[in-house]
Amino acid sequence: MKFVVLATAAMLHLAAGGGADSHHEHEDEILKPDTPVDVGTTLKGSTISVLAYRTFAPQVKQPDGTSSSSDRVVFQGWLREDGVARVRVLDEGHNTWRPVANESWSVEGDLFCLSAGSFGMGKLCLDTLIYGQVFSAATPKADILVKGNWRKGNVHGL
């Protein structure tokens, strides 16, 4: 009985114009990679909202003398077209944004770089993959992993 059902299904597929290769052609269309996105053009003039994780978090000395490991940073930045980034960082301990600071940013290929001195990360360079309105990135050594989104314009008035 199974053979009859399978044979009938195959004949209906062929009768509907589905030759032996049509299924594979359809799969090839589905499996085609998305068109590459130019990171610099996409991010220029945009506001990014970012959650960065340090995979090997350094010990940070707190004002009260204790040390703790800061393993994530939340920040927003308006990436102006002149290479200046207006950046603010979330102070999670006080649940407030730190004052906005000017940093510099650049892109070479898929490598997005941000001078992140205002929030203690030095120069942050990330291999970046953009898909839709979101992106993911990692430092070349994978010691910092990033998830974020972007919107054209100065969304948060930075």
C-alpha atoms as a PDB file:
ATOM      1  CA  MET A   1       0.000   0.000   0.000  1.00  0.00           C
ATOM      2  CA  LYS A   2       2.851   2.430   0.836  1.00  0.00           C
ATOM      3  CA  PHE A   3       4.355   1.809  -2.597  1.00  0.00           C
ATOM      4  CA  VAL A   4       1.062   2.744  -4.309  1.00  0.00           C
ATOM      5  CA  VAL A   5       0.793   5.989  -2.323  1.00  0.00           C
ATOM      6  CA  LEU A   6       4.408   6.950  -3.070  1.00  0.00           C
ATOM      7  CA  ALA A   7       4.056   6.075  -6.770  1.00  0.00           C
ATOM      8  CA  THR A   8       0.835   8.111  -7.006  1.00  0.00           C
ATOM      9  CA  ALA A   9       2.471  11.096  -5.310  1.00  0.00           C
ATOM     10  CA  ALA A  10       5.439  10.929  -7.689  1.00  0.00           C
ATOM     11  CA  MET A  11       3.168  10.793 -10.743  1.00  0.00           C
ATOM     12  CA  LEU A  12       1.115  13.772  -9.516  1.00  0.00           C
ATOM     13  CA  HIS A  13       4.351  15.724  -8.950  1.00  0.00           C
ATOM     14  CA  LEU A  14       5.522  14.986 -12.499  1.00  0.00           C
ATOM     15  CA  ALA A  15       2.083  15.755 -13.969  1.00  0.00           C
ATOM     16  CA  ALA A  16       2.110  19.140 -12.210  1.00  0.00           C
ATOM     17  CA  GLY A  17       5.319  20.047 -14.062  1.00  0.00           C
ATOM     18  CA  GLY A  18       7.671  19.104 -11.263  1.00  0.00           C
ATOM     19  CA  GLY A  19      10.531  17.403 -13.046  1.00  0.00           C
ATOM     20  CA  ALA A  20      13.299  15.619 -11.222  1.00  0.00           C
ATOM     21  CA  ASP A  21      15.361  18.803 -10.844  1.00  0.00           C
ATOM     22  CA  SER A  22      12.577  21.270  -9.972  1.00  0.00           C
ATOM     23  CA  HIS A  23      12.703  20.466  -6.270  1.00  0.00           C
ATOM     24  CA  HIS A  24      16.454  21.087  -6.177  1.00  0.00           C
ATOM     25  CA  GLU A  25      16.138  24.350  -8.104  1.00  0.00           C
ATOM     26  CA  HIS A  26      13.636  25.603  -5.521  1.00  0.00           C
ATOM     27  CA  GLU A  27      15.977  24.586  -2.679  1.00  0.00           C
ATOM     28  CA  ASP A  28      18.851  26.458  -4.350  1.00  0.00           C
ATOM     29  CA  GLU A  29      16.742  29.638  -4.441  1.00  0.00           C
ATOM     30  CA  ILE A  30      15.932  29.288  -0.750  1.00  0.00           C
ATOM     31  CA  LEU A  31      19.547  28.594   0.227  1.00  0.00           C
ATOM     32  CA  LYS A  32      21.045  31.563  -1.621  1.00  0.00           C
ATOM     33  CA  PRO A  33      22.817  33.891   0.822  1.00  0.00           C
ATOM     34  CA  ASP A  34      21.410  37.348   1.455  1.00  0.00           C
ATOM     35  CA  THR A  35      22.968  40.204  -0.447  1.00  0.00           C
ATOM     36  CA  PRO A  36      25.972  41.457   1.527  1.00  0.00           C
ATOM     37  CA  VAL A  37      25.292  44.631   3.493  1.00  0.00           C
ATOM     38  CA  ASP A  38      27.823  47.463   3.477  1.00  0.00           C
ATOM     39  CA  VAL A  39      28.441  48.064   7.185  1.00  0.00           C
ATOM     40  CA  GLY A  40      29.783  51.617   6.785  1.00  0.00           C
ATOM     41  CA  THR A  41      26.978  52.847   4.547  1.00  0.00           C
ATOM     42  CA  THR A  42      24.345  51.186   6.720  1.00  0.00           C
ATOM     43  CA  LEU A  43      25.598  52.540  10.050  1.00  0.00           C
ATOM     44  CA  LYS A  44      26.611  56.038   8.874  1.00  0.00           C
ATOM     45  CA  GLY A  45      24.084  58.557  10.199  1.00  0.00           C
ATOM     46  CA  SER A  46      22.387  55.938  12.379  1.00  0.00           C
ATOM     47  CA  THR A  47      21.732  55.446  16.066  1.00  0.00           C
ATOM     48  CA  ILE A  48      22.858  52.100  17.438  1.00  0.00           C
ATOM     49  CA  SER A  49      21.666  50.480  20.662  1.00  0.00           C
ATOM     50  CA  VAL A  50      24.089  47.830  21.857  1.00  0.00           C
ATOM     51  CA  LEU A  51      24.480  45.115  24.464  1.00  0.00           C
ATOM     52  CA  ALA A  52      28.131  44.028  24.651  1.00  0.00           C
ATOM     53  CA  TYR A  53      29.312  41.030  26.653  1.00  0.00           C
ATOM     54  CA  ARG A  54      32.902  40.618  27.745  1.00  0.00           C
ATOM     55  CA  THR A  55      33.623  36.906  27.639  1.00  0.00           C
ATOM     56  CA  PHE A  56      36.664  37.343  29.891  1.00  0.00           C
ATOM     57  CA  ALA A  57      35.653  40.234  32.135  1.00  0.00           C
ATOM     58  CA  PRO A  58      38.483  42.046  33.934  1.00  0.00           C
ATOM     59  CA  GLN A  59      38.238  42.876  37.620  1.00  0.00           C
ATOM     60  CA  VAL A  60      37.099  46.474  38.165  1.00  0.00           C
ATOM     61  CA  LYS A  61      37.881  48.381  41.350  1.00  0.00           C
ATOM     62  CA  GLN A  62      34.732  50.029  42.748  1.00  0.00           C
ATOM     63  CA  PRO A  63      34.692  53.408  44.584  1.00  0.00           C
ATOM     64  CA  ASP A  64      34.136  51.614  47.905  1.00  0.00           C
ATOM     65  CA  GLY A  65      37.399  49.637  47.425  1.00  0.00           C
ATOM     66  CA  THR A  66      35.815  46.332  46.442  1.00  0.00           C
ATOM     67  CA  SER A  67      36.461  44.628  43.117  1.00  0.00           C
ATOM     68  CA  SER A  68      33.878  43.195  40.795  1.00  0.00           C
ATOM     69  CA  SER A  69      33.748  41.736  37.327  1.00  0.00           C
ATOM     70  CA  SER A  70      31.834  43.846  34.825  1.00  0.00           C
ATOM     71  CA  ASP A  71      30.771  41.404  32.149  1.00  0.00           C
ATOM     72  CA  ARG A  72      28.328  43.488  30.112  1.00  0.00           C
ATOM     73  CA  VAL A  73      27.982  47.029  28.820  1.00  0.00           C
ATOM     74  CA  VAL A  74      24.829  48.663  27.443  1.00  0.00           C
ATOM     75  CA  PHE A  75      25.352  51.730  25.289  1.00  0.00           C
ATOM     76  CA  GLN A  76      23.784  53.854  22.582  1.00  0.00           C
ATOM     77  CA  GLY A  77      25.579  55.885  19.975  1.00  0.00           C
ATOM     78  CA  TRP A  78      24.676  58.247  17.175  1.00  0.00           C
ATOM     79  CA  LEU A  79      27.220  57.602  14.418  1.00  0.00           C
ATOM     80  CA  ARG A  80      27.542  60.949  12.711  1.00  0.00           C
ATOM     81  CA  GLU A  81      28.709  61.055   9.109  1.00  0.00           C
ATOM     82  CA  ASP A  82      31.867  62.993  10.100  1.00  0.00           C
ATOM     83  CA  GLY A  83      33.279  60.038  12.093  1.00  0.00           C
ATOM     84  CA  VAL A  84      32.177  61.354  15.503  1.00  0.00           C
ATOM     85  CA  ALA A  85      30.011  59.108  17.658  1.00  0.00           C
ATOM     86  CA  ARG A  86      27.856  60.694  20.367  1.00  0.00           C
ATOM     87  CA  VAL A  87      27.794  57.875  22.945  1.00  0.00           C
ATOM     88  CA  ARG A  88      26.075  57.278  26.254  1.00  0.00           C
ATOM     89  CA  VAL A  89      26.475  54.275  28.547  1.00  0.00           C
ATOM     90  CA  LEU A  90      23.977  52.810  30.979  1.00  0.00           C
ATOM     91  CA  ASP A  91      25.156  52.872  34.588  1.00  0.00           C
ATOM     92  CA  GLU A  92      23.332  49.712  35.606  1.00  0.00           C
ATOM     93  CA  GLY A  93      24.164  50.161  39.297  1.00  0.00           C
ATOM     94  CA  HIS A  94      22.203  53.413  39.381  1.00  0.00           C
ATOM     95  CA  ASN A  95      19.864  52.615  36.457  1.00  0.00           C
ATOM     96  CA  THR A  96      20.730  55.924  34.736  1.00  0.00           C
ATOM     97  CA  TRP A  97      22.555  56.986  31.599  1.00  0.00           C
ATOM     98  CA  ARG A  98      26.023  58.499  32.031  1.00  0.00           C
ATOM     99  CA  PRO A  99      26.612  61.861  30.320  1.00  0.00           C
ATOM    100  CA  VAL A 100      26.969  61.780  26.531  1.00  0.00           C
ATOM    101  CA  ALA A 101      30.582  61.698  25.309  1.00  0.00           C
ATOM    102  CA  ASN A 102      32.194  62.177  21.914  1.00  0.00           C
ATOM    103  CA  GLU A 103      34.087  59.175  20.559  1.00  0.00           C
ATOM    104  CA  SER A 104      35.373  58.422  17.062  1.00  0.00           C
ATOM    105  CA  TRP A 105      34.158  55.623  14.811  1.00  0.00           C
ATOM    106  CA  SER A 106      35.169  54.095  11.497  1.00  0.00           C
ATOM    107  CA  VAL A 107      34.484  51.086   9.297  1.00  0.00           C
ATOM    108  CA  GLU A 108      36.838  49.136   7.074  1.00  0.00           C
ATOM    109  CA  GLY A 109      35.067  46.313   5.272  1.00  0.00           C
ATOM    110  CA  ASP A 110      33.040  44.544   7.970  1.00  0.00           C
ATOM    111  CA  LEU A 111      35.273  45.792  10.819  1.00  0.00           C
ATOM    112  CA  PHE A 112      33.436  48.488  12.810  1.00  0.00           C
ATOM    113  CA  CYS A 113      35.701  50.386  15.245  1.00  0.00           C
ATOM    114  CA  LEU A 114      34.661  52.710  18.065  1.00  0.00           C
ATOM    115  CA  SER A 115      36.971  54.532  20.471  1.00  0.00           C
ATOM    116  CA  ALA A 116      35.191  53.526  23.665  1.00  0.00           C
ATOM    117  CA  GLY A 117      37.342  55.251  26.260  1.00  0.00           C
ATOM    118  CA  SER A 118      34.377  57.001  27.872  1.00  0.00           C
ATOM    119  CA  PHE A 119      33.143  53.639  29.113  1.00  0.00           C
ATOM    120  CA  GLY A 120      36.441  51.919  29.812  1.00  0.00           C
ATOM    121  CA  MET A 121      36.791  49.636  26.801  1.00  0.00           C
ATOM    122  CA  GLY A 122      39.592  51.407  24.930  1.00  0.00           C
ATOM    123  CA  LYS A 123      39.286  50.997  21.163  1.00  0.00           C
ATOM    124  CA  LEU A 124      36.558  48.506  20.323  1.00  0.00           C
ATOM    125  CA  CYS A 125      36.824  46.853  16.877  1.00  0.00           C
ATOM    126  CA  LEU A 126      34.148  44.356  15.855  1.00  0.00           C
ATOM    127  CA  ASP A 127      33.627  42.021  12.905  1.00  0.00           C
ATOM    128  CA  THR A 128      30.019  42.960  12.138  1.00  0.00           C
ATOM    129  CA  LEU A 129      27.140  41.160  10.450  1.00  0.00           C
ATOM    130  CA  ILE A 130      23.998  43.192   9.692  1.00  0.00           C
ATOM    131  CA  TYR A 131      20.664  41.564   8.966  1.00  0.00           C
ATOM    132  CA  GLY A 132      17.580  43.765   8.762  1.00  0.00           C
ATOM    133  CA  GLN A 133      17.554  46.336  11.561  1.00  0.00           C
ATOM    134  CA  VAL A 134      19.770  44.257  13.863  1.00  0.00           C
ATOM    135  CA  PHE A 135      23.429  43.292  13.923  1.00  0.00           C
ATOM    136  CA  SER A 136      25.756  40.979  15.744  1.00  0.00           C
ATOM    137  CA  ALA A 137      29.482  41.344  16.102  1.00  0.00           C
ATOM    138  CA  ALA A 138      32.556  40.070  17.892  1.00  0.00           C
ATOM    139  CA  THR A 139      36.081  41.264  18.432  1.00  0.00           C
ATOM    140  CA  PRO A 140      38.613  39.313  16.362  1.00  0.00           C
ATOM    141  CA  LYS A 141      39.702  37.444  19.528  1.00  0.00           C
ATOM    142  CA  ALA A 142      36.030  36.872  20.516  1.00  0.00           C
ATOM    143  CA  ASP A 143      36.617  38.396  23.961  1.00  0.00           C
ATOM    144  CA  ILE A 144      33.654  40.733  23.400  1.00  0.00           C
ATOM    145  CA  LEU A 145      30.384  39.671  21.781  1.00  0.00           C
ATOM    146  CA  VAL A 146      27.762  42.205  20.687  1.00  0.00           C
ATOM    147  CA  LYS A 147      24.066  42.261  19.803  1.00  0.00           C
ATOM    148  CA  GLY A 148      22.424  45.471  18.701  1.00  0.00           C
ATOM    149  CA  ASN A 149      20.028  47.305  16.466  1.00  0.00           C
ATOM    150  CA  TRP A 150      20.262  50.413  14.322  1.00  0.00           C
ATOM    151  CA  ARG A 151      17.893  53.100  13.069  1.00  0.00           C
ATOM    152  CA  LYS A 152      18.677  55.932  10.668  1.00  0.00           C
ATOM    153  CA  GLY A 153      18.940  59.357  12.285  1.00  0.00           C
ATOM    154  CA  ASN A 154      19.614  60.623  15.798  1.00  0.00           C
ATOM    155  CA  VAL A 155      16.879  58.567  17.435  1.00  0.00           C
ATOM    156  CA  HIS A 156      17.660  59.429  21.088  1.00  0.00           C
ATOM    157  CA  GLY A 157      18.735  63.057  20.639  1.00  0.00           C
ATOM    158  CA  LEU A 158      22.399  62.298  21.353  1.00  0.00           C
END
